[in-house]
Amino acid sequence: MLKGILAISGHSGLFKMVSNAKNALIVESLVDKKRMPAYATSKISALEDIAIFTDEGDVPLADVFKNIKEKENGGKAVSHKASGNELKEYMAEILPNYDEDRVYVSDMKKIFQWYNLLQENNLLEDLDKEEEVENTEE
């Protein structure tokens, strides 16, 4: 689900990896569908590699998105523009044991903004399928 979805520092929104070039990745914005090169000098993070700190360890971002999707029945999450207290309350509902000292409001804003962007682009449909594949493999 999160494979090939990237966050690039200095650019808002999320990007889908389209192709490789000689010294860059070709990415497409999920916001305006414009393509651009992303060079190695940019800090590029794959969403599948991001995890959220909790009291018991790290929780993959995909699991946090699953919790939001279940809470909202596939709908949108709280707006990333909500107040800090609202964001903290919402985060406590979806991930009760998140580490309040290491997960900042700015992180929560990104999580909810990314979730809503993925939801708008119907890229969260794979969450359930991914879980089914994991269950059949076990």
C-alpha atoms as a PDB file:
ATOM      1  CA  MET A   1       0.000   0.000   0.000  1.00  0.00           C
ATOM      2  CA  LEU A   2       2.680   2.501   0.950  1.00  0.00           C
ATOM      3  CA  LYS A   3       5.222   1.050  -1.464  1.00  0.00           C
ATOM      4  CA  GLY A   4       6.434   3.724  -3.842  1.00  0.00           C
ATOM      5  CA  ILE A   5       4.794   6.588  -1.900  1.00  0.00           C
ATOM      6  CA  LEU A   6       7.410   9.143  -0.880  1.00  0.00           C
ATOM      7  CA  ALA A   7       7.729  12.244   1.267  1.00  0.00           C
ATOM      8  CA  ILE A   8      10.365  14.689   0.014  1.00  0.00           C
ATOM      9  CA  SER A   9      11.757  17.364   2.305  1.00  0.00           C
ATOM     10  CA  GLY A  10      11.200  20.867   0.996  1.00  0.00           C
ATOM     11  CA  HIS A  11       8.067  19.803  -0.904  1.00  0.00           C
ATOM     12  CA  SER A  12       4.581  19.621   0.527  1.00  0.00           C
ATOM     13  CA  GLY A  13       2.350  16.625  -0.037  1.00  0.00           C
ATOM     14  CA  LEU A  14       3.240  13.125  -1.098  1.00  0.00           C
ATOM     15  CA  PHE A  15       4.699  11.709  -4.277  1.00  0.00           C
ATOM     16  CA  LYS A  16       4.377   8.445  -6.155  1.00  0.00           C
ATOM     17  CA  MET A  17       7.559   7.034  -7.662  1.00  0.00           C
ATOM     18  CA  VAL A  18       7.067   6.736 -11.415  1.00  0.00           C
ATOM     19  CA  SER A  19      10.490   5.879 -12.793  1.00  0.00           C
ATOM     20  CA  ASN A  20      14.249   5.991 -12.276  1.00  0.00           C
ATOM     21  CA  ALA A  21      16.459   8.431 -14.153  1.00  0.00           C
ATOM     22  CA  LYS A  22      20.240   8.413 -14.324  1.00  0.00           C
ATOM     23  CA  ASN A  23      20.769  10.465 -11.163  1.00  0.00           C
ATOM     24  CA  ALA A  24      17.233  10.991  -9.830  1.00  0.00           C
ATOM     25  CA  LEU A  25      13.840   9.452  -9.253  1.00  0.00           C
ATOM     26  CA  ILE A  26      10.930  10.648 -11.352  1.00  0.00           C
ATOM     27  CA  VAL A  27       8.025  11.311  -9.007  1.00  0.00           C
ATOM     28  CA  GLU A  28       4.434  12.428  -9.483  1.00  0.00           C
ATOM     29  CA  SER A  29       2.708  14.660  -6.957  1.00  0.00           C
ATOM     30  CA  LEU A  30      -0.483  13.229  -5.460  1.00  0.00           C
ATOM     31  CA  VAL A  31      -1.766  16.797  -5.066  1.00  0.00           C
ATOM     32  CA  ASP A  32      -1.518  18.197  -8.601  1.00  0.00           C
ATOM     33  CA  LYS A  33      -0.297  15.160 -10.612  1.00  0.00           C
ATOM     34  CA  LYS A  34       2.770  17.066 -11.869  1.00  0.00           C
ATOM     35  CA  ARG A  35       5.939  15.083 -12.438  1.00  0.00           C
ATOM     36  CA  MET A  36       9.397  16.187 -11.363  1.00  0.00           C
ATOM     37  CA  PRO A  37      12.827  14.731 -10.668  1.00  0.00           C
ATOM     38  CA  ALA A  38      13.804  14.029  -7.053  1.00  0.00           C
ATOM     39  CA  TYR A  39      17.560  14.057  -6.637  1.00  0.00           C
ATOM     40  CA  ALA A  40      19.666  12.163  -4.120  1.00  0.00           C
ATOM     41  CA  THR A  41      20.487  15.477  -2.411  1.00  0.00           C
ATOM     42  CA  SER A  42      16.853  15.772  -1.311  1.00  0.00           C
ATOM     43  CA  LYS A  43      15.861  13.938   1.842  1.00  0.00           C
ATOM     44  CA  ILE A  44      13.449  11.309   0.499  1.00  0.00           C
ATOM     45  CA  SER A  45      11.489   9.087   2.894  1.00  0.00           C
ATOM     46  CA  ALA A  46       9.373   6.129   1.828  1.00  0.00           C
ATOM     47  CA  LEU A  47       6.167   5.975   3.888  1.00  0.00           C
ATOM     48  CA  GLU A  48       6.600   2.222   4.325  1.00  0.00           C
ATOM     49  CA  ASP A  49       9.827   2.920   6.266  1.00  0.00           C
ATOM     50  CA  ILE A  50       8.264   5.411   8.695  1.00  0.00           C
ATOM     51  CA  ALA A  51       7.167   4.312  12.165  1.00  0.00           C
ATOM     52  CA  ILE A  52       5.582   6.093  15.128  1.00  0.00           C
ATOM     53  CA  PHE A  53       7.124   5.925  18.608  1.00  0.00           C
ATOM     54  CA  THR A  54       5.026   4.210  21.284  1.00  0.00           C
ATOM     55  CA  ASP A  55       5.708   3.210  24.874  1.00  0.00           C
ATOM     56  CA  GLU A  56       6.286  -0.412  23.763  1.00  0.00           C
ATOM     57  CA  GLY A  57       8.346   0.279  20.625  1.00  0.00           C
ATOM     58  CA  ASP A  58       7.677   1.528  17.113  1.00  0.00           C
ATOM     59  CA  VAL A  59       4.424   1.074  15.180  1.00  0.00           C
ATOM     60  CA  PRO A  60       4.598   1.139  11.357  1.00  0.00           C
ATOM     61  CA  LEU A  61       2.791   4.060   9.729  1.00  0.00           C
ATOM     62  CA  ALA A  62       0.608   1.581   7.797  1.00  0.00           C
ATOM     63  CA  ASP A  63      -0.797   0.304  11.114  1.00  0.00           C
ATOM     64  CA  VAL A  64      -1.573   3.860  12.231  1.00  0.00           C
ATOM     65  CA  PHE A  65      -3.382   4.438   8.911  1.00  0.00           C
ATOM     66  CA  LYS A  66      -5.361   1.206   9.461  1.00  0.00           C
ATOM     67  CA  ASN A  67      -6.445   2.473  12.887  1.00  0.00           C
ATOM     68  CA  ILE A  68      -7.574   5.794  11.403  1.00  0.00           C
ATOM     69  CA  LYS A  69      -9.410   4.010   8.591  1.00  0.00           C
ATOM     70  CA  GLU A  70     -11.245   1.771  11.069  1.00  0.00           C
ATOM     71  CA  LYS A  71     -12.151   4.726  13.306  1.00  0.00           C
ATOM     72  CA  GLU A  72     -13.449   6.791  10.379  1.00  0.00           C
ATOM     73  CA  ASN A  73     -14.987   3.864   8.424  1.00  0.00           C
ATOM     74  CA  GLY A  74     -12.773   4.707   5.454  1.00  0.00           C
ATOM     75  CA  GLY A  75     -13.528   8.434   5.650  1.00  0.00           C
ATOM     76  CA  LYS A  76     -11.289  11.420   6.273  1.00  0.00           C
ATOM     77  CA  ALA A  77      -9.300  11.935   9.448  1.00  0.00           C
ATOM     78  CA  VAL A  78      -9.228  15.111  11.510  1.00  0.00           C
ATOM     79  CA  SER A  79      -7.835  18.099   9.591  1.00  0.00           C
ATOM     80  CA  HIS A  80      -4.111  18.709   9.957  1.00  0.00           C
ATOM     81  CA  LYS A  81      -5.043  22.354  10.563  1.00  0.00           C
ATOM     82  CA  ALA A  82      -6.907  21.523  13.808  1.00  0.00           C
ATOM     83  CA  SER A  83      -5.537  22.818  17.119  1.00  0.00           C
ATOM     84  CA  GLY A  84      -2.670  21.033  18.825  1.00  0.00           C
ATOM     85  CA  ASN A  85      -4.939  19.778  21.597  1.00  0.00           C
ATOM     86  CA  GLU A  86      -7.446  18.358  19.092  1.00  0.00           C
ATOM     87  CA  LEU A  87      -4.647  16.569  17.238  1.00  0.00           C
ATOM     88  CA  LYS A  88      -3.279  15.106  20.489  1.00  0.00           C
ATOM     89  CA  GLU A  89      -6.748  13.870  21.516  1.00  0.00           C
ATOM     90  CA  TYR A  90      -7.309  12.290  18.095  1.00  0.00           C
ATOM     91  CA  MET A  91      -3.862  10.665  18.176  1.00  0.00           C
ATOM     92  CA  ALA A  92      -4.622   9.232  21.633  1.00  0.00           C
ATOM     93  CA  GLU A  93      -7.830   7.699  20.226  1.00  0.00           C
ATOM     94  CA  ILE A  94      -6.135   5.968  17.294  1.00  0.00           C
ATOM     95  CA  LEU A  95      -2.861   5.072  19.049  1.00  0.00           C
ATOM     96  CA  PRO A  96      -3.442   5.246  22.828  1.00  0.00           C
ATOM     97  CA  ASN A  97       0.133   4.313  23.774  1.00  0.00           C
ATOM     98  CA  TYR A  98       1.971   6.775  21.484  1.00  0.00           C
ATOM     99  CA  ASP A  99       5.050   8.366  23.084  1.00  0.00           C
ATOM    100  CA  GLU A 100       3.891  11.865  23.992  1.00  0.00           C
ATOM    101  CA  ASP A 101       7.488  13.030  24.508  1.00  0.00           C
ATOM    102  CA  ARG A 102       8.777  11.979  21.082  1.00  0.00           C
ATOM    103  CA  VAL A 103       5.721  12.388  18.816  1.00  0.00           C
ATOM    104  CA  TYR A 104       5.264  16.109  18.232  1.00  0.00           C
ATOM    105  CA  VAL A 105       2.208  17.992  16.993  1.00  0.00           C
ATOM    106  CA  SER A 106       4.116  18.667  13.752  1.00  0.00           C
ATOM    107  CA  ASP A 107       4.442  14.880  13.266  1.00  0.00           C
ATOM    108  CA  MET A 108       0.724  14.414  13.889  1.00  0.00           C
ATOM    109  CA  LYS A 109      -0.091  17.105  11.325  1.00  0.00           C
ATOM    110  CA  LYS A 110       1.943  15.228   8.715  1.00  0.00           C
ATOM    111  CA  ILE A 111       0.331  11.888   9.584  1.00  0.00           C
ATOM    112  CA  PHE A 112      -3.220  13.243   9.264  1.00  0.00           C
ATOM    113  CA  GLN A 113      -2.410  15.296   6.164  1.00  0.00           C
ATOM    114  CA  TRP A 114      -0.822  12.240   4.514  1.00  0.00           C
ATOM    115  CA  TYR A 115      -3.721   9.993   5.489  1.00  0.00           C
ATOM    116  CA  ASN A 116      -6.270  12.416   4.022  1.00  0.00           C
ATOM    117  CA  LEU A 117      -4.224  12.792   0.832  1.00  0.00           C
ATOM    118  CA  LEU A 118      -3.969   9.010   0.416  1.00  0.00           C
ATOM    119  CA  GLN A 119      -7.690   8.669   1.154  1.00  0.00           C
ATOM    120  CA  GLU A 120      -8.573  11.292  -1.487  1.00  0.00           C
ATOM    121  CA  ASN A 121      -6.494   9.394  -4.046  1.00  0.00           C
ATOM    122  CA  ASN A 122      -8.020   5.995  -3.117  1.00  0.00           C
ATOM    123  CA  LEU A 123      -4.632   4.632  -2.105  1.00  0.00           C
ATOM    124  CA  LEU A 124      -5.857   3.231   1.211  1.00  0.00           C
ATOM    125  CA  GLU A 125      -7.939   0.476  -0.387  1.00  0.00           C
ATOM    126  CA  ASP A 126      -4.897  -1.791  -0.305  1.00  0.00           C
ATOM    127  CA  LEU A 127      -4.691  -1.678   3.503  1.00  0.00           C
ATOM    128  CA  ASP A 128      -7.316  -4.404   3.873  1.00  0.00           C
ATOM    129  CA  LYS A 129      -5.882  -6.505   1.039  1.00  0.00           C
ATOM    130  CA  GLU A 130      -2.393  -6.255   2.528  1.00  0.00           C
ATOM    131  CA  GLU A 131      -3.726  -7.528   5.855  1.00  0.00           C
ATOM    132  CA  GLU A 132      -5.506 -10.440   4.127  1.00  0.00           C
ATOM    133  CA  VAL A 133      -2.294 -11.459   2.369  1.00  0.00           C
ATOM    134  CA  GLU A 134      -0.407 -11.397   5.679  1.00  0.00           C
ATOM    135  CA  ASN A 135      -3.090 -13.553   7.322  1.00  0.00           C
ATOM    136  CA  THR A 136      -3.049 -16.158   4.541  1.00  0.00           C
ATOM    137  CA  GLU A 137       0.747 -16.361   4.679  1.00  0.00           C
ATOM    138  CA  GLU A 138       0.655 -17.241   8.393  1.00  0.00           C
END
